[in-house]
């Protein structure tokens, strides 16, 4: 094919270059400026001639095997025919063959009841071995978490309260999470049986227990933002200050948002917003304002003293903010 293009076909490159060279040479007597083009054509003609020689030498060394050539062509035709039949690109055929072989193996196993039983027994044995390891780790972690959260509850106005992590067994076949179902249990008062957290704890207790859990597990948890609503419900005084400190400690490692009505909690915050409602044309609207230092003093003073804000309450508010 290459030899035909360069020298042996009717419109081959080499004869065309020779003809162009001959015509330009005849015109040199009339226009000497054509000499540069003639030199370039002659150079190209020489290069093409060398390429023709090289190709002929290569062709003389190659021994063509007609049978091998026919076999390769038949193989190529079979590949392209299969690709067209399966509506795939030729290069996708090996991956398709692998998928079919895997599926065939699965079907062969599925038709062999004894092989299926052995595979099921092996999978069950592996599952229960892993589930037992996970269960042992859960029991150890549950006992530790229960003790630490119970200890934290004593500081959050839940004296005598008790927190437990219950591990209820799943049905014999287990689940994708293991052989146990985890449940948080709490006893709000001494002598009471621990029951499901969601059924026993009030809203404020639930928030405080959640706060205790988050403080203890803060290093292991990956949640970037924590939101507490009325975490200080039903508490005040020193307990409220403890809650504020716990929230502040959490805020060192992640973002903490807290809705509060207690100055002891609000004073511990790095940023404070004021949320207020007012009526406009018969409709109630809510406004959120970011407080600067002066605004924080006024807001904390209002939380301390109610509607009447005195110089004493402002001084107390400023002192609380300075000690945070």
C-alpha atoms as a PDB file:
ATOM      1  CA  UNK A   1       0.000   0.000   0.000  1.00  0.00           C
ATOM      2  CA  UNK A   2       2.793   2.432   0.930  1.00  0.00           C
ATOM      3  CA  UNK A   3       4.874   1.442  -2.115  1.00  0.00           C
ATOM      4  CA  UNK A   4       1.872   1.988  -4.381  1.00  0.00           C
ATOM      5  CA  UNK A   5       1.319   5.468  -2.971  1.00  0.00           C
ATOM      6  CA  UNK A   6       4.963   6.456  -3.265  1.00  0.00           C
ATOM      7  CA  UNK A   7       6.066   4.973  -6.587  1.00  0.00           C
ATOM      8  CA  UNK A   8       4.017   2.243  -8.224  1.00  0.00           C
ATOM      9  CA  UNK A   9       0.479   3.582  -8.600  1.00  0.00           C
ATOM     10  CA  UNK A  10      -0.641   5.714 -11.558  1.00  0.00           C
ATOM     11  CA  UNK A  11      -0.720   8.857  -9.430  1.00  0.00           C
ATOM     12  CA  UNK A  12       2.243   7.957  -7.188  1.00  0.00           C
ATOM     13  CA  UNK A  13       4.232  10.679  -5.439  1.00  0.00           C
ATOM     14  CA  UNK A  14       7.628   9.975  -6.959  1.00  0.00           C
ATOM     15  CA  UNK A  15       6.650  10.337 -10.659  1.00  0.00           C
ATOM     16  CA  UNK A  16       4.713  13.524  -9.861  1.00  0.00           C
ATOM     17  CA  UNK A  17       7.706  15.017  -8.076  1.00  0.00           C
ATOM     18  CA  UNK A  18       9.986  14.052 -11.007  1.00  0.00           C
ATOM     19  CA  UNK A  19       7.622  15.686 -13.487  1.00  0.00           C
ATOM     20  CA  UNK A  20       7.434  18.892 -11.440  1.00  0.00           C
ATOM     21  CA  UNK A  21      11.220  18.981 -11.160  1.00  0.00           C
ATOM     22  CA  UNK A  22      11.664  18.568 -14.932  1.00  0.00           C
ATOM     23  CA  UNK A  23       9.201  21.365 -15.731  1.00  0.00           C
ATOM     24  CA  UNK A  24      10.771  23.827 -13.300  1.00  0.00           C
ATOM     25  CA  UNK A  25      14.255  23.045 -14.603  1.00  0.00           C
ATOM     26  CA  UNK A  26      13.139  23.928 -18.120  1.00  0.00           C
ATOM     27  CA  UNK A  27      11.907  27.313 -16.882  1.00  0.00           C
ATOM     28  CA  UNK A  28      15.058  28.322 -15.034  1.00  0.00           C
ATOM     29  CA  UNK A  29      16.349  30.124 -18.122  1.00  0.00           C
ATOM     30  CA  UNK A  30      13.382  32.492 -17.959  1.00  0.00           C
ATOM     31  CA  UNK A  31      13.126  32.970 -14.194  1.00  0.00           C
ATOM     32  CA  UNK A  32      16.102  32.265 -11.908  1.00  0.00           C
ATOM     33  CA  UNK A  33      13.981  32.796  -8.777  1.00  0.00           C
ATOM     34  CA  UNK A  34      12.416  29.364  -9.337  1.00  0.00           C
ATOM     35  CA  UNK A  35      15.709  27.703  -8.432  1.00  0.00           C
ATOM     36  CA  UNK A  36      14.904  27.668  -4.703  1.00  0.00           C
ATOM     37  CA  UNK A  37      11.625  25.800  -5.276  1.00  0.00           C
ATOM     38  CA  UNK A  38      13.404  23.388  -7.619  1.00  0.00           C
ATOM     39  CA  UNK A  39      16.004  22.535  -4.946  1.00  0.00           C
ATOM     40  CA  UNK A  40      13.270  21.826  -2.399  1.00  0.00           C
ATOM     41  CA  UNK A  41      11.405  19.566  -4.847  1.00  0.00           C
ATOM     42  CA  UNK A  42      14.619  17.680  -5.702  1.00  0.00           C
ATOM     43  CA  UNK A  43      15.308  17.217  -1.976  1.00  0.00           C
ATOM     44  CA  UNK A  44      11.800  15.856  -1.462  1.00  0.00           C
ATOM     45  CA  UNK A  45      12.211  13.587  -4.494  1.00  0.00           C
ATOM     46  CA  UNK A  46      15.429  12.189  -3.026  1.00  0.00           C
ATOM     47  CA  UNK A  47      13.781  11.539   0.360  1.00  0.00           C
ATOM     48  CA  UNK A  48      10.824   9.773  -1.260  1.00  0.00           C
ATOM     49  CA  UNK A  49      13.176   7.646  -3.381  1.00  0.00           C
ATOM     50  CA  UNK A  50      15.096   6.608  -0.243  1.00  0.00           C
ATOM     51  CA  UNK A  51      11.802   5.662   1.410  1.00  0.00           C
ATOM     52  CA  UNK A  52      10.890   3.518  -1.604  1.00  0.00           C
ATOM     53  CA  UNK A  53      14.253   1.720  -1.423  1.00  0.00           C
ATOM     54  CA  UNK A  54      13.804   1.080   2.308  1.00  0.00           C
ATOM     55  CA  UNK A  55      10.302  -0.309   1.839  1.00  0.00           C
ATOM     56  CA  UNK A  56      11.418  -2.626  -0.955  1.00  0.00           C
ATOM     57  CA  UNK A  57      14.294  -3.956   1.168  1.00  0.00           C
ATOM     58  CA  UNK A  58      11.855  -4.586   4.008  1.00  0.00           C
ATOM     59  CA  UNK A  59       9.408  -6.342   1.665  1.00  0.00           C
ATOM     60  CA  UNK A  60      12.193  -8.603   0.388  1.00  0.00           C
ATOM     61  CA  UNK A  61      13.001  -9.738   3.968  1.00  0.00           C
ATOM     62  CA  UNK A  62       9.416 -10.416   5.043  1.00  0.00           C
ATOM     63  CA  UNK A  63       8.147 -13.925   4.390  1.00  0.00           C
ATOM     64  CA  UNK A  64       4.355 -13.841   4.208  1.00  0.00           C
ATOM     65  CA  UNK A  65       2.447 -16.900   5.444  1.00  0.00           C
ATOM     66  CA  UNK A  66      -0.825 -17.030   3.515  1.00  0.00           C
ATOM     67  CA  UNK A  67      -2.371 -19.503   5.962  1.00  0.00           C
ATOM     68  CA  UNK A  68      -1.439 -17.409   8.980  1.00  0.00           C
ATOM     69  CA  UNK A  69      -2.759 -14.266   7.266  1.00  0.00           C
ATOM     70  CA  UNK A  70      -6.055 -16.014   6.496  1.00  0.00           C
ATOM     71  CA  UNK A  71      -6.344 -17.223  10.096  1.00  0.00           C
ATOM     72  CA  UNK A  72      -5.752 -13.711  11.478  1.00  0.00           C
ATOM     73  CA  UNK A  73      -8.280 -12.199   9.093  1.00  0.00           C
ATOM     74  CA  UNK A  74     -10.846 -14.854  10.065  1.00  0.00           C
ATOM     75  CA  UNK A  75     -10.206 -14.144  13.732  1.00  0.00           C
ATOM     76  CA  UNK A  76     -10.625 -10.393  13.204  1.00  0.00           C
ATOM     77  CA  UNK A  77     -13.865 -10.983  11.344  1.00  0.00           C
ATOM     78  CA  UNK A  78     -15.152 -13.212  14.166  1.00  0.00           C
ATOM     79  CA  UNK A  79     -14.289 -10.559  16.772  1.00  0.00           C
ATOM     80  CA  UNK A  80     -16.020  -7.760  14.878  1.00  0.00           C
ATOM     81  CA  UNK A  81     -18.991 -10.010  14.113  1.00  0.00           C
ATOM     82  CA  UNK A  82     -19.435 -10.877  17.801  1.00  0.00           C
ATOM     83  CA  UNK A  83     -19.119  -7.225  18.770  1.00  0.00           C
ATOM     84  CA  UNK A  84     -21.836  -6.246  16.292  1.00  0.00           C
ATOM     85  CA  UNK A  85     -24.105  -9.047  17.502  1.00  0.00           C
ATOM     86  CA  UNK A  86     -23.704  -8.054  21.155  1.00  0.00           C
ATOM     87  CA  UNK A  87     -23.771  -4.330  20.356  1.00  0.00           C
ATOM     88  CA  UNK A  88     -20.417  -3.777  22.017  1.00  0.00           C
ATOM     89  CA  UNK A  89     -17.135  -2.231  20.986  1.00  0.00           C
ATOM     90  CA  UNK A  90     -14.527  -4.915  20.093  1.00  0.00           C
ATOM     91  CA  UNK A  91     -12.324  -3.870  23.026  1.00  0.00           C
ATOM     92  CA  UNK A  92     -15.231  -4.488  25.441  1.00  0.00           C
ATOM     93  CA  UNK A  93     -15.500  -8.190  24.564  1.00  0.00           C
ATOM     94  CA  UNK A  94     -12.901  -9.522  27.101  1.00  0.00           C
ATOM     95  CA  UNK A  95     -14.668  -7.838  30.052  1.00  0.00           C
ATOM     96  CA  UNK A  96     -18.027  -9.124  28.796  1.00  0.00           C
ATOM     97  CA  UNK A  97     -16.606 -12.644  28.588  1.00  0.00           C
ATOM     98  CA  UNK A  98     -15.344 -12.401  32.172  1.00  0.00           C
ATOM     99  CA  UNK A  99     -18.788 -11.337  33.409  1.00  0.00           C
ATOM    100  CA  UNK A 100     -20.407 -14.265  31.619  1.00  0.00           C
ATOM    101  CA  UNK A 101     -17.888 -16.698  33.090  1.00  0.00           C
ATOM    102  CA  UNK A 102     -18.564 -15.399  36.616  1.00  0.00           C
ATOM    103  CA  UNK A 103     -22.302 -15.668  36.074  1.00  0.00           C
ATOM    104  CA  UNK A 104     -21.912 -19.207  34.707  1.00  0.00           C
ATOM    105  CA  UNK A 105     -19.983 -20.199  37.829  1.00  0.00           C
ATOM    106  CA  UNK A 106     -22.740 -18.740  40.008  1.00  0.00           C
ATOM    107  CA  UNK A 107     -25.384 -20.689  38.107  1.00  0.00           C
ATOM    108  CA  UNK A 108     -23.381 -23.907  38.416  1.00  0.00           C
ATOM    109  CA  UNK A 109     -23.123 -23.404  42.183  1.00  0.00           C
ATOM    110  CA  UNK A 110     -26.829 -22.554  42.403  1.00  0.00           C
ATOM    111  CA  UNK A 111     -27.688 -25.859  40.743  1.00  0.00           C
ATOM    112  CA  UNK A 112     -25.515 -27.736  43.244  1.00  0.00           C
ATOM    113  CA  UNK A 113     -27.437 -27.970  46.534  1.00  0.00           C
ATOM    114  CA  UNK A 114     -24.511 -29.374  48.490  1.00  0.00           C
ATOM    115  CA  UNK A 115     -22.240 -26.543  47.361  1.00  0.00           C
ATOM    116  CA  UNK A 116     -24.888 -23.991  48.338  1.00  0.00           C
ATOM    117  CA  UNK A 117     -25.229 -25.504  51.813  1.00  0.00           C
ATOM    118  CA  UNK A 118     -21.459 -25.435  52.326  1.00  0.00           C
ATOM    119  CA  UNK A 119     -21.260 -21.831  51.174  1.00  0.00           C
ATOM    120  CA  UNK A 120     -24.164 -20.809  53.445  1.00  0.00           C
ATOM    121  CA  UNK A 121     -22.579 -22.534  56.449  1.00  0.00           C
ATOM    122  CA  UNK A 122     -19.254 -20.882  55.791  1.00  0.00           C
ATOM    123  CA  UNK A 123     -20.882 -17.437  55.473  1.00  0.00           C
ATOM    124  CA  UNK A 124     -22.926 -17.999  58.678  1.00  0.00           C
ATOM    125  CA  UNK A 125     -19.830 -19.090  60.588  1.00  0.00           C
ATOM    126  CA  UNK A 126     -17.868 -16.026  59.429  1.00  0.00           C
ATOM    127  CA  UNK A 127     -20.787 -13.733  60.301  1.00  0.00           C
ATOM    128  CA  UNK A 128     -21.221 -14.990  63.870  1.00  0.00           C
ATOM    129  CA  UNK A 129     -17.478 -14.888  64.453  1.00  0.00           C
ATOM    130  CA  UNK A 130     -17.357 -11.215  63.453  1.00  0.00           C
ATOM    131  CA  UNK A 131     -20.606 -10.450  65.312  1.00  0.00           C
ATOM    132  CA  UNK A 132     -19.190 -11.964  68.516  1.00  0.00           C
ATOM    133  CA  UNK A 133     -16.079  -9.772  68.268  1.00  0.00           C
ATOM    134  CA  UNK A 134     -18.211  -6.686  67.698  1.00  0.00           C
ATOM    135  CA  UNK A 135     -20.559  -7.639  70.544  1.00  0.00           C
ATOM    136  CA  UNK A 136     -17.665  -7.970  72.995  1.00  0.00           C
ATOM    137  CA  UNK A 137     -16.409  -4.539  72.023  1.00  0.00           C
ATOM    138  CA  UNK A 138     -19.902  -3.071  72.383  1.00  0.00           C
ATOM    139  CA  UNK A 139     -20.342  -4.485  75.910  1.00  0.00           C
ATOM    140  CA  UNK A 140     -17.078  -2.962  77.032  1.00  0.00           C
ATOM    141  CA  UNK A 141     -17.846   0.419  75.443  1.00  0.00           C
ATOM    142  CA  UNK A 142     -21.453   0.396  76.747  1.00  0.00           C
ATOM    143  CA  UNK A 143     -20.359  -0.083  80.354  1.00  0.00           C
ATOM    144  CA  UNK A 144     -17.781   2.712  80.095  1.00  0.00           C
ATOM    145  CA  UNK A 145     -20.177   5.144  78.406  1.00  0.00           C
ATOM    146  CA  UNK A 146     -22.933   4.402  80.940  1.00  0.00           C
ATOM    147  CA  UNK A 147     -20.657   5.200  83.895  1.00  0.00           C
ATOM    148  CA  UNK A 148     -19.297   8.413  82.395  1.00  0.00           C
ATOM    149  CA  UNK A 149     -22.694   9.777  81.297  1.00  0.00           C
ATOM    150  CA  UNK A 150     -24.185   8.897  84.712  1.00  0.00           C
ATOM    151  CA  UNK A 151     -21.358  10.821  86.366  1.00  0.00           C
ATOM    152  CA  UNK A 152     -21.976  13.824  84.106  1.00  0.00           C
ATOM    153  CA  UNK A 153     -25.737  13.743  84.824  1.00  0.00           C
ATOM    154  CA  UNK A 154     -25.064  14.412  88.510  1.00  0.00           C
ATOM    155  CA  UNK A 155     -23.635  17.839  87.619  1.00  0.00           C
ATOM    156  CA  UNK A 156     -26.570  18.703  85.342  1.00  0.00           C
ATOM    157  CA  UNK A 157     -29.399  18.806  87.935  1.00  0.00           C
ATOM    158  CA  UNK A 158     -30.139  15.102  87.529  1.00  0.00           C
ATOM    159  CA  UNK A 159     -28.741  13.879  90.852  1.00  0.00           C
ATOM    160  CA  UNK A 160     -29.426  10.197  91.384  1.00  0.00           C
ATOM    161  CA  UNK A 161     -30.136   9.689  87.687  1.00  0.00           C
ATOM    162  CA  UNK A 162     -28.609   6.752  85.862  1.00  0.00           C
ATOM    163  CA  UNK A 163     -27.733   6.184  82.224  1.00  0.00           C
ATOM    164  CA  UNK A 164     -27.275   2.777  80.635  1.00  0.00           C
ATOM    165  CA  UNK A 165     -26.603   1.445  77.162  1.00  0.00           C
ATOM    166  CA  UNK A 166     -28.849  -1.553  76.569  1.00  0.00           C
ATOM    167  CA  UNK A 167     -27.795  -4.298  74.171  1.00  0.00           C
ATOM    168  CA  UNK A 168     -30.927  -6.170  73.108  1.00  0.00           C
ATOM    169  CA  UNK A 169     -30.263  -9.363  71.143  1.00  0.00           C
ATOM    170  CA  UNK A 170     -31.588  -9.516  67.622  1.00  0.00           C
ATOM    171  CA  UNK A 171     -33.427 -12.628  66.423  1.00  0.00           C
ATOM    172  CA  UNK A 172     -31.108 -15.641  65.971  1.00  0.00           C
ATOM    173  CA  UNK A 173     -30.232 -14.740  62.382  1.00  0.00           C
ATOM    174  CA  UNK A 174     -28.860 -11.341  63.485  1.00  0.00           C
ATOM    175  CA  UNK A 175     -28.675  -8.287  61.236  1.00  0.00           C
ATOM    176  CA  UNK A 176     -26.213  -6.361  59.109  1.00  0.00           C
ATOM    177  CA  UNK A 177     -25.298  -4.385  62.263  1.00  0.00           C
ATOM    178  CA  UNK A 178     -24.443  -7.434  64.362  1.00  0.00           C
ATOM    179  CA  UNK A 179     -26.223  -9.556  66.942  1.00  0.00           C
ATOM    180  CA  UNK A 180     -27.317  -6.706  69.223  1.00  0.00           C
ATOM    181  CA  UNK A 181     -29.654  -3.744  68.973  1.00  0.00           C
ATOM    182  CA  UNK A 182     -28.427  -0.686  70.875  1.00  0.00           C
ATOM    183  CA  UNK A 183     -30.836   1.303  73.039  1.00  0.00           C
ATOM    184  CA  UNK A 184     -30.179   4.226  75.404  1.00  0.00           C
ATOM    185  CA  UNK A 185     -31.860   3.743  78.795  1.00  0.00           C
ATOM    186  CA  UNK A 186     -32.241   6.232  81.644  1.00  0.00           C
ATOM    187  CA  UNK A 187     -33.566   6.297  85.175  1.00  0.00           C
ATOM    188  CA  UNK A 188     -34.338   9.892  86.121  1.00  0.00           C
ATOM    189  CA  UNK A 189     -34.493   9.231  89.873  1.00  0.00           C
ATOM    190  CA  UNK A 190     -32.828   6.802  92.313  1.00  0.00           C
ATOM    191  CA  UNK A 191     -34.500   3.427  92.725  1.00  0.00           C
ATOM    192  CA  UNK A 192     -36.258   3.550  89.364  1.00  0.00           C
ATOM    193  CA  UNK A 193     -35.748   1.019  86.618  1.00  0.00           C
ATOM    194  CA  UNK A 194     -33.956   2.291  83.537  1.00  0.00           C
ATOM    195  CA  UNK A 195     -36.320   2.698  80.628  1.00  0.00           C
ATOM    196  CA  UNK A 196     -36.006   3.894  77.018  1.00  0.00           C
ATOM    197  CA  UNK A 197     -34.601   7.420  76.958  1.00  0.00           C
ATOM    198  CA  UNK A 198     -37.214   8.799  74.541  1.00  0.00           C
ATOM    199  CA  UNK A 199     -40.078   7.518  76.749  1.00  0.00           C
ATOM    200  CA  UNK A 200     -38.838   8.684  80.145  1.00  0.00           C
ATOM    201  CA  UNK A 201     -36.898  11.929  79.752  1.00  0.00           C
ATOM    202  CA  UNK A 202     -38.585  15.307  79.384  1.00  0.00           C
ATOM    203  CA  UNK A 203     -37.437  17.780  76.745  1.00  0.00           C
ATOM    204  CA  UNK A 204     -34.976  19.511  79.070  1.00  0.00           C
ATOM    205  CA  UNK A 205     -33.678  16.230  80.495  1.00  0.00           C
ATOM    206  CA  UNK A 206     -33.279  14.848  77.007  1.00  0.00           C
ATOM    207  CA  UNK A 207     -31.210  17.867  75.991  1.00  0.00           C
ATOM    208  CA  UNK A 208     -29.030  17.645  79.105  1.00  0.00           C
ATOM    209  CA  UNK A 209     -28.421  13.925  78.676  1.00  0.00           C
ATOM    210  CA  UNK A 210     -27.615  14.584  75.020  1.00  0.00           C
ATOM    211  CA  UNK A 211     -25.209  17.290  76.153  1.00  0.00           C
ATOM    212  CA  UNK A 212     -23.501  14.870  78.541  1.00  0.00           C
ATOM    213  CA  UNK A 213     -23.170  12.246  75.798  1.00  0.00           C
ATOM    214  CA  UNK A 214     -21.787  14.779  73.323  1.00  0.00           C
ATOM    215  CA  UNK A 215     -19.223  16.096  75.789  1.00  0.00           C
ATOM    216  CA  UNK A 216     -17.969  12.597  76.581  1.00  0.00           C
ATOM    217  CA  UNK A 217     -17.916  11.378  72.983  1.00  0.00           C
ATOM    218  CA  UNK A 218     -16.779  14.681  71.441  1.00  0.00           C
ATOM    219  CA  UNK A 219     -13.360  13.348  70.476  1.00  0.00           C
ATOM    220  CA  UNK A 220     -14.797  10.339  68.656  1.00  0.00           C
ATOM    221  CA  UNK A 221     -17.863  11.987  67.054  1.00  0.00           C
ATOM    222  CA  UNK A 222     -17.594  13.480  63.557  1.00  0.00           C
ATOM    223  CA  UNK A 223     -20.706  15.712  63.641  1.00  0.00           C
ATOM    224  CA  UNK A 224     -19.524  19.267  62.790  1.00  0.00           C
ATOM    225  CA  UNK A 225     -22.534  21.140  64.231  1.00  0.00           C
ATOM    226  CA  UNK A 226     -24.598  20.504  67.386  1.00  0.00           C
ATOM    227  CA  UNK A 227     -27.906  22.251  68.110  1.00  0.00           C
ATOM    228  CA  UNK A 228     -29.437  22.335  71.612  1.00  0.00           C
ATOM    229  CA  UNK A 229     -32.944  23.655  72.199  1.00  0.00           C
ATOM    230  CA  UNK A 230     -33.827  24.640  75.786  1.00  0.00           C
ATOM    231  CA  UNK A 231     -30.986  22.541  77.206  1.00  0.00           C
ATOM    232  CA  UNK A 232     -31.354  24.599  80.415  1.00  0.00           C
ATOM    233  CA  UNK A 233     -35.057  23.873  80.958  1.00  0.00           C
ATOM    234  CA  UNK A 234     -35.855  23.413  84.651  1.00  0.00           C
ATOM    235  CA  UNK A 235     -32.423  24.419  85.977  1.00  0.00           C
ATOM    236  CA  UNK A 236     -30.809  27.583  87.217  1.00  0.00           C
ATOM    237  CA  UNK A 237     -28.024  28.998  89.343  1.00  0.00           C
ATOM    238  CA  UNK A 238     -24.825  26.979  89.550  1.00  0.00           C
ATOM    239  CA  UNK A 239     -26.183  24.121  87.409  1.00  0.00           C
ATOM    240  CA  UNK A 240     -26.916  26.571  84.584  1.00  0.00           C
ATOM    241  CA  UNK A 241     -23.344  27.810  84.789  1.00  0.00           C
ATOM    242  CA  UNK A 242     -22.070  24.237  84.546  1.00  0.00           C
ATOM    243  CA  UNK A 243     -24.240  23.681  81.454  1.00  0.00           C
ATOM    244  CA  UNK A 244     -22.802  26.844  79.922  1.00  0.00           C
ATOM    245  CA  UNK A 245     -19.255  25.670  80.572  1.00  0.00           C
ATOM    246  CA  UNK A 246     -19.989  22.260  79.055  1.00  0.00           C
ATOM    247  CA  UNK A 247     -21.383  23.916  75.927  1.00  0.00           C
ATOM    248  CA  UNK A 248     -18.354  26.177  75.718  1.00  0.00           C
ATOM    249  CA  UNK A 249     -16.041  23.180  75.976  1.00  0.00           C
ATOM    250  CA  UNK A 250     -17.905  21.495  73.122  1.00  0.00           C
ATOM    251  CA  UNK A 251     -17.637  24.693  71.085  1.00  0.00           C
ATOM    252  CA  UNK A 252     -13.849  24.445  71.084  1.00  0.00           C
ATOM    253  CA  UNK A 253     -13.981  21.437  68.761  1.00  0.00           C
ATOM    254  CA  UNK A 254     -17.130  22.043  66.678  1.00  0.00           C
ATOM    255  CA  UNK A 255     -19.910  24.542  66.055  1.00  0.00           C
ATOM    256  CA  UNK A 256     -22.535  24.637  68.829  1.00  0.00           C
ATOM    257  CA  UNK A 257     -25.874  26.451  68.532  1.00  0.00           C
ATOM    258  CA  UNK A 258     -27.971  26.767  71.698  1.00  0.00           C
ATOM    259  CA  UNK A 259     -31.369  28.339  72.389  1.00  0.00           C
ATOM    260  CA  UNK A 260     -31.359  29.580  76.001  1.00  0.00           C
ATOM    261  CA  UNK A 261     -33.197  31.873  78.403  1.00  0.00           C
ATOM    262  CA  UNK A 262     -30.553  31.742  81.130  1.00  0.00           C
ATOM    263  CA  UNK A 263     -27.873  34.442  81.443  1.00  0.00           C
ATOM    264  CA  UNK A 264     -25.403  31.909  82.902  1.00  0.00           C
ATOM    265  CA  UNK A 265     -25.549  29.958  79.640  1.00  0.00           C
ATOM    266  CA  UNK A 266     -25.700  32.918  77.261  1.00  0.00           C
ATOM    267  CA  UNK A 267     -22.698  34.591  78.918  1.00  0.00           C
ATOM    268  CA  UNK A 268     -20.476  31.604  78.015  1.00  0.00           C
ATOM    269  CA  UNK A 269     -21.083  31.957  74.266  1.00  0.00           C
ATOM    270  CA  UNK A 270     -18.513  33.313  71.808  1.00  0.00           C
ATOM    271  CA  UNK A 271     -21.318  34.931  69.768  1.00  0.00           C
ATOM    272  CA  UNK A 272     -24.790  35.893  70.883  1.00  0.00           C
ATOM    273  CA  UNK A 273     -27.932  36.600  68.870  1.00  0.00           C
ATOM    274  CA  UNK A 274     -31.184  38.043  70.118  1.00  0.00           C
ATOM    275  CA  UNK A 275     -34.455  36.636  68.759  1.00  0.00           C
ATOM    276  CA  UNK A 276     -37.560  38.793  69.183  1.00  0.00           C
ATOM    277  CA  UNK A 277     -41.129  38.853  67.881  1.00  0.00           C
ATOM    278  CA  UNK A 278     -43.242  41.891  67.080  1.00  0.00           C
ATOM    279  CA  UNK A 279     -46.503  42.689  65.363  1.00  0.00           C
ATOM    280  CA  UNK A 280     -46.698  44.465  62.012  1.00  0.00           C
ATOM    281  CA  UNK A 281     -50.080  45.180  60.429  1.00  0.00           C
ATOM    282  CA  UNK A 282     -51.758  42.361  62.280  1.00  0.00           C
ATOM    283  CA  UNK A 283     -49.017  39.844  61.542  1.00  0.00           C
ATOM    284  CA  UNK A 284     -46.274  38.506  63.820  1.00  0.00           C
ATOM    285  CA  UNK A 285     -42.712  38.708  62.552  1.00  0.00           C
ATOM    286  CA  UNK A 286     -39.494  37.384  64.007  1.00  0.00           C
ATOM    287  CA  UNK A 287     -36.246  39.348  64.012  1.00  0.00           C
ATOM    288  CA  UNK A 288     -32.774  37.960  64.681  1.00  0.00           C
ATOM    289  CA  UNK A 289     -30.086  40.470  65.680  1.00  0.00           C
ATOM    290  CA  UNK A 290     -26.362  39.912  66.115  1.00  0.00           C
ATOM    291  CA  UNK A 291     -25.276  41.522  69.401  1.00  0.00           C
ATOM    292  CA  UNK A 292     -22.057  43.445  69.884  1.00  0.00           C
ATOM    293  CA  UNK A 293     -20.410  43.701  73.327  1.00  0.00           C
ATOM    294  CA  UNK A 294     -22.681  46.545  74.441  1.00  0.00           C
ATOM    295  CA  UNK A 295     -25.733  44.739  73.138  1.00  0.00           C
ATOM    296  CA  UNK A 296     -24.694  41.552  74.938  1.00  0.00           C
ATOM    297  CA  UNK A 297     -24.415  43.404  78.241  1.00  0.00           C
ATOM    298  CA  UNK A 298     -27.916  44.802  77.759  1.00  0.00           C
ATOM    299  CA  UNK A 299     -29.362  41.402  76.810  1.00  0.00           C
ATOM    300  CA  UNK A 300     -27.692  39.501  79.654  1.00  0.00           C
ATOM    301  CA  UNK A 301     -28.811  42.268  82.061  1.00  0.00           C
ATOM    302  CA  UNK A 302     -32.375  41.869  80.777  1.00  0.00           C
ATOM    303  CA  UNK A 303     -32.148  38.119  81.345  1.00  0.00           C
ATOM    304  CA  UNK A 304     -30.925  38.777  84.866  1.00  0.00           C
ATOM    305  CA  UNK A 305     -33.320  41.535  85.899  1.00  0.00           C
ATOM    306  CA  UNK A 306     -36.368  41.311  83.620  1.00  0.00           C
ATOM    307  CA  UNK A 307     -37.932  44.478  82.266  1.00  0.00           C
ATOM    308  CA  UNK A 308     -36.223  46.805  84.777  1.00  0.00           C
ATOM    309  CA  UNK A 309     -32.548  47.046  83.865  1.00  0.00           C
ATOM    310  CA  UNK A 310     -30.495  48.880  86.482  1.00  0.00           C
ATOM    311  CA  UNK A 311     -26.882  49.891  86.719  1.00  0.00           C
ATOM    312  CA  UNK A 312     -26.350  46.977  89.112  1.00  0.00           C
ATOM    313  CA  UNK A 313     -27.706  44.392  86.682  1.00  0.00           C
ATOM    314  CA  UNK A 314     -25.591  45.894  83.869  1.00  0.00           C
ATOM    315  CA  UNK A 315     -22.514  45.679  86.086  1.00  0.00           C
ATOM    316  CA  UNK A 316     -23.339  42.079  86.955  1.00  0.00           C
ATOM    317  CA  UNK A 317     -23.887  41.263  83.265  1.00  0.00           C
ATOM    318  CA  UNK A 318     -20.564  42.841  82.272  1.00  0.00           C
ATOM    319  CA  UNK A 319     -18.828  40.857  85.022  1.00  0.00           C
ATOM    320  CA  UNK A 320     -20.362  37.588  83.817  1.00  0.00           C
ATOM    321  CA  UNK A 321     -19.226  38.261  80.261  1.00  0.00           C
ATOM    322  CA  UNK A 322     -15.716  39.160  81.377  1.00  0.00           C
ATOM    323  CA  UNK A 323     -15.341  35.864  83.290  1.00  0.00           C
ATOM    324  CA  UNK A 324     -16.292  33.580  80.423  1.00  0.00           C
END
